[in-house]
Amino acid sequence: IEAKLMADGFETYTSSVKVNLKEAGEISLDEALTWYHNFDGENYTIDDVDVDVLENTITFNLGDIEPGYAPNDGYVIFYVSVIE
């Protein structure tokens, strides 16, 4: 799975992870995503984000972000289902 994060005024950030299935099957991308952001030292703000799924690509918009590390530090979790 490869992820690309693109934003106006920023370089594209690419990350990837390998997923191994025990048996032959397919992975279906779910139309759900959770964004953890604005870490205040103890807690994150947690938002559900609408995504568009087309073929094997998830596209989503996190809206306006401010330059710098904080308060933009955080992570995104997207979900997949294994189809046997």
N, C-alpha and C. Protein backbone atom coordinates (compact mmCIF):
# COMPACT_ATOMS: atom_id res chain seq x y z
N ILE A 1 0.87 -1.16 0.00
CA ILE A 1 0.00 0.00 0.00
C ILE A 1 0.91 1.21 0.00
N GLU A 2 0.64 2.15 -0.88
CA GLU A 2 1.42 3.37 -0.96
C GLU A 2 0.52 4.55 -0.64
N ALA A 3 1.04 5.46 0.17
CA ALA A 3 0.29 6.66 0.52
C ALA A 3 1.08 7.88 0.06
N LYS A 4 0.36 8.82 -0.55
CA LYS A 4 0.97 10.09 -0.95
C LYS A 4 0.17 11.21 -0.32
N LEU A 5 0.87 12.09 0.36
CA LEU A 5 0.24 13.25 0.98
C LEU A 5 0.66 14.47 0.17
N MET A 6 -0.34 15.15 -0.39
CA MET A 6 -0.07 16.32 -1.22
C MET A 6 -0.83 17.51 -0.66
N ALA A 7 -0.19 18.67 -0.65
CA ALA A 7 -0.84 19.89 -0.19
C ALA A 7 -0.24 21.07 -0.95
N ASP A 8 -1.07 22.07 -1.19
CA ASP A 8 -0.59 23.28 -1.85
C ASP A 8 0.56 23.88 -1.04
N GLY A 9 1.65 24.18 -1.72
CA GLY A 9 2.78 24.82 -1.05
C GLY A 9 3.71 23.87 -0.33
N PHE A 10 3.46 22.55 -0.39
CA PHE A 10 4.30 21.57 0.28
C PHE A 10 4.77 20.53 -0.73
N GLU A 11 5.93 19.91 -0.47
CA GLU A 11 6.39 18.81 -1.30
C GLU A 11 5.54 17.58 -1.01
N THR A 12 5.34 16.73 -2.03
CA THR A 12 4.59 15.50 -1.85
C THR A 12 5.37 14.56 -0.94
N TYR A 13 4.68 13.99 0.05
CA TYR A 13 5.28 13.02 0.96
C TYR A 13 4.73 11.65 0.61
N THR A 14 5.63 10.68 0.39
CA THR A 14 5.21 9.33 0.02
C THR A 14 5.68 8.35 1.09
N SER A 15 4.80 7.42 1.44
CA SER A 15 5.09 6.39 2.43
C SER A 15 4.46 5.09 1.94
N SER A 16 5.01 3.96 2.35
CA SER A 16 4.43 2.69 1.91
C SER A 16 4.54 1.64 3.01
N VAL A 17 3.69 0.63 2.90
CA VAL A 17 3.70 -0.49 3.84
C VAL A 17 3.33 -1.75 3.07
N LYS A 18 3.95 -2.86 3.41
CA LYS A 18 3.62 -4.14 2.77
C LYS A 18 2.55 -4.84 3.59
N VAL A 19 1.60 -5.44 2.89
CA VAL A 19 0.52 -6.19 3.54
C VAL A 19 0.59 -7.62 3.01
N ASN A 20 0.75 -8.58 3.90
CA ASN A 20 0.81 -9.99 3.51
C ASN A 20 -0.46 -10.69 3.96
N LEU A 21 -1.10 -11.39 3.05
CA LEU A 21 -2.29 -12.16 3.37
C LEU A 21 -1.90 -13.63 3.54
N LYS A 22 -2.51 -14.31 4.51
CA LYS A 22 -2.20 -15.73 4.73
C LYS A 22 -2.74 -16.58 3.60
N GLU A 23 -3.84 -16.16 3.01
CA GLU A 23 -4.44 -16.90 1.90
C GLU A 23 -4.71 -15.91 0.77
N ALA A 24 -4.88 -16.45 -0.42
CA ALA A 24 -5.19 -15.59 -1.56
C ALA A 24 -6.47 -14.82 -1.29
N GLY A 25 -6.49 -13.59 -1.64
CA GLY A 25 -7.68 -12.76 -1.45
C GLY A 25 -7.41 -11.37 -1.97
N GLU A 26 -8.38 -10.52 -1.84
CA GLU A 26 -8.26 -9.14 -2.28
C GLU A 26 -8.47 -8.21 -1.10
N ILE A 27 -7.94 -7.02 -1.23
CA ILE A 27 -8.14 -5.99 -0.22
C ILE A 27 -9.06 -4.94 -0.81
N SER A 28 -10.10 -4.60 -0.06
CA SER A 28 -11.04 -3.57 -0.47
C SER A 28 -10.83 -2.36 0.43
N LEU A 29 -10.68 -1.18 -0.17
CA LEU A 29 -10.50 0.05 0.59
C LEU A 29 -11.85 0.54 1.09
N ASP A 30 -11.96 0.76 2.39
CA ASP A 30 -13.21 1.23 2.98
C ASP A 30 -13.35 2.74 2.80
N GLU A 31 -14.56 3.22 2.81
CA GLU A 31 -14.82 4.65 2.66
C GLU A 31 -14.87 5.34 4.02
N ALA A 32 -13.89 5.02 4.85
CA ALA A 32 -13.80 5.62 6.18
C ALA A 32 -12.35 5.95 6.47
N LEU A 33 -12.13 7.03 7.18
CA LEU A 33 -10.79 7.46 7.53
C LEU A 33 -10.88 8.27 8.82
N THR A 34 -9.93 8.08 9.71
CA THR A 34 -9.90 8.82 10.97
C THR A 34 -8.62 9.65 11.02
N TRP A 35 -8.75 10.93 11.32
CA TRP A 35 -7.61 11.85 11.40
C TRP A 35 -7.39 12.27 12.84
N TYR A 36 -6.22 11.96 13.37
CA TYR A 36 -5.81 12.37 14.71
C TYR A 36 -4.86 13.55 14.53
N HIS A 37 -5.19 14.73 15.08
CA HIS A 37 -4.37 15.91 14.86
C HIS A 37 -4.46 16.85 16.05
N ASN A 38 -3.70 17.95 15.96
CA ASN A 38 -3.67 18.98 17.01
C ASN A 38 -3.37 18.40 18.39
N PHE A 39 -2.32 17.60 18.47
CA PHE A 39 -1.91 17.01 19.75
C PHE A 39 -1.53 18.12 20.72
N ASP A 40 -2.12 18.10 21.90
CA ASP A 40 -1.87 19.17 22.88
C ASP A 40 -0.94 18.73 24.01
N GLY A 41 -0.26 17.61 23.81
CA GLY A 41 0.61 17.08 24.85
C GLY A 41 -0.01 15.90 25.56
N GLU A 42 -1.33 15.80 25.50
CA GLU A 42 -2.04 14.69 26.13
C GLU A 42 -3.06 14.04 25.21
N ASN A 43 -3.73 14.83 24.38
CA ASN A 43 -4.82 14.32 23.55
C ASN A 43 -4.74 14.85 22.13
N TYR A 44 -5.30 14.08 21.23
CA TYR A 44 -5.47 14.51 19.85
C TYR A 44 -6.91 14.95 19.62
N THR A 45 -7.13 15.85 18.67
CA THR A 45 -8.46 16.08 18.13
C THR A 45 -8.70 14.95 17.14
N ILE A 46 -9.85 14.30 17.19
CA ILE A 46 -10.12 13.15 16.34
C ILE A 46 -11.31 13.48 15.44
N ASP A 47 -11.09 13.39 14.12
CA ASP A 47 -12.13 13.69 13.15
C ASP A 47 -12.29 12.53 12.18
N ASP A 48 -13.53 12.25 11.82
CA ASP A 48 -13.81 11.35 10.72
C ASP A 48 -13.75 12.18 9.45
N VAL A 49 -13.10 11.66 8.41
CA VAL A 49 -12.90 12.39 7.16
C VAL A 49 -13.59 11.64 6.03
N ASP A 50 -14.32 12.37 5.20
CA ASP A 50 -14.93 11.77 4.03
C ASP A 50 -13.85 11.45 3.00
N VAL A 51 -13.95 10.28 2.39
CA VAL A 51 -12.98 9.88 1.37
C VAL A 51 -13.71 9.46 0.10
N ASP A 52 -13.02 9.58 -1.01
CA ASP A 52 -13.51 9.06 -2.28
C ASP A 52 -12.63 7.86 -2.62
N VAL A 53 -13.26 6.74 -2.97
CA VAL A 53 -12.53 5.54 -3.37
C VAL A 53 -12.81 5.29 -4.84
N LEU A 54 -11.74 5.27 -5.64
CA LEU A 54 -11.85 5.00 -7.06
C LEU A 54 -10.76 4.01 -7.41
N GLU A 55 -11.18 2.83 -7.87
CA GLU A 55 -10.25 1.73 -8.15
C GLU A 55 -9.46 1.45 -6.88
N ASN A 56 -8.13 1.56 -6.92
CA ASN A 56 -7.32 1.26 -5.74
C ASN A 56 -6.76 2.53 -5.10
N THR A 57 -7.51 3.63 -5.20
CA THR A 57 -7.01 4.90 -4.69
C THR A 57 -8.04 5.54 -3.76
N ILE A 58 -7.56 6.00 -2.61
CA ILE A 58 -8.38 6.78 -1.67
C ILE A 58 -7.94 8.23 -1.79
N THR A 59 -8.88 9.13 -1.98
CA THR A 59 -8.57 10.56 -2.04
C THR A 59 -9.37 11.26 -0.95
N PHE A 60 -8.71 12.15 -0.22
CA PHE A 60 -9.39 12.89 0.84
C PHE A 60 -8.76 14.25 0.99
N ASN A 61 -9.48 15.17 1.61
CA ASN A 61 -9.02 16.53 1.82
C ASN A 61 -9.09 16.85 3.30
N LEU A 62 -7.96 17.22 3.88
CA LEU A 62 -7.94 17.57 5.30
C LEU A 62 -8.23 19.04 5.55
N GLY A 63 -8.47 19.78 4.48
CA GLY A 63 -8.78 21.19 4.65
C GLY A 63 -7.53 22.03 4.82
N ASP A 64 -7.69 23.23 5.35
CA ASP A 64 -6.56 24.13 5.53
C ASP A 64 -5.71 23.69 6.70
N ILE A 65 -4.39 23.70 6.49
CA ILE A 65 -3.46 23.42 7.58
C ILE A 65 -2.48 24.58 7.67
N GLU A 66 -1.92 24.76 8.84
CA GLU A 66 -0.97 25.83 9.06
C GLU A 66 0.45 25.31 8.85
N PRO A 67 1.39 26.18 8.44
CA PRO A 67 2.78 25.74 8.31
C PRO A 67 3.37 25.37 9.66
N GLY A 68 4.36 24.52 9.64
CA GLY A 68 5.06 24.13 10.86
C GLY A 68 4.60 22.78 11.37
N TYR A 69 5.33 22.27 12.33
CA TYR A 69 5.05 20.94 12.87
C TYR A 69 3.77 20.94 13.72
N ALA A 70 3.74 21.74 14.75
CA ALA A 70 2.54 21.80 15.59
C ALA A 70 1.70 22.98 15.11
N PRO A 71 0.43 22.94 15.04
CA PRO A 71 -0.43 21.88 15.57
C PRO A 71 -0.78 20.80 14.55
N ASN A 72 0.00 20.67 13.48
CA ASN A 72 -0.35 19.73 12.43
C ASN A 72 0.15 18.31 12.68
N ASP A 73 0.92 18.10 13.74
CA ASP A 73 1.41 16.74 14.02
C ASP A 73 0.22 15.83 14.27
N GLY A 74 0.32 14.63 13.81
CA GLY A 74 -0.76 13.67 13.96
C GLY A 74 -0.64 12.57 12.95
N TYR A 75 -1.71 11.87 12.73
CA TYR A 75 -1.69 10.77 11.78
C TYR A 75 -3.09 10.49 11.27
N VAL A 76 -3.13 9.75 10.16
CA VAL A 76 -4.38 9.36 9.52
C VAL A 76 -4.46 7.85 9.52
N ILE A 77 -5.62 7.30 9.85
CA ILE A 77 -5.85 5.86 9.78
C ILE A 77 -6.93 5.61 8.75
N PHE A 78 -6.62 4.79 7.74
CA PHE A 78 -7.65 4.38 6.81
C PHE A 78 -7.85 2.89 6.97
N TYR A 79 -8.98 2.39 6.51
CA TYR A 79 -9.39 1.03 6.79
C TYR A 79 -9.54 0.23 5.50
N VAL A 80 -9.20 -1.05 5.60
CA VAL A 80 -9.35 -1.96 4.48
C VAL A 80 -10.08 -3.22 4.97
N SER A 81 -10.73 -3.90 4.05
CA SER A 81 -11.36 -5.18 4.33
C SER A 81 -10.74 -6.22 3.43
N VAL A 82 -10.53 -7.42 3.95
CA VAL A 82 -10.00 -8.51 3.15
C VAL A 82 -11.17 -9.31 2.60
N ILE A 83 -11.19 -9.47 1.27
CA ILE A 83 -12.24 -10.24 0.60
C ILE A 83 -11.65 -11.57 0.22
N GLU A 84 -12.24 -12.65 0.72
CA GLU A 84 -11.71 -13.99 0.41
C GLU A 84 -12.41 -14.57 -0.80
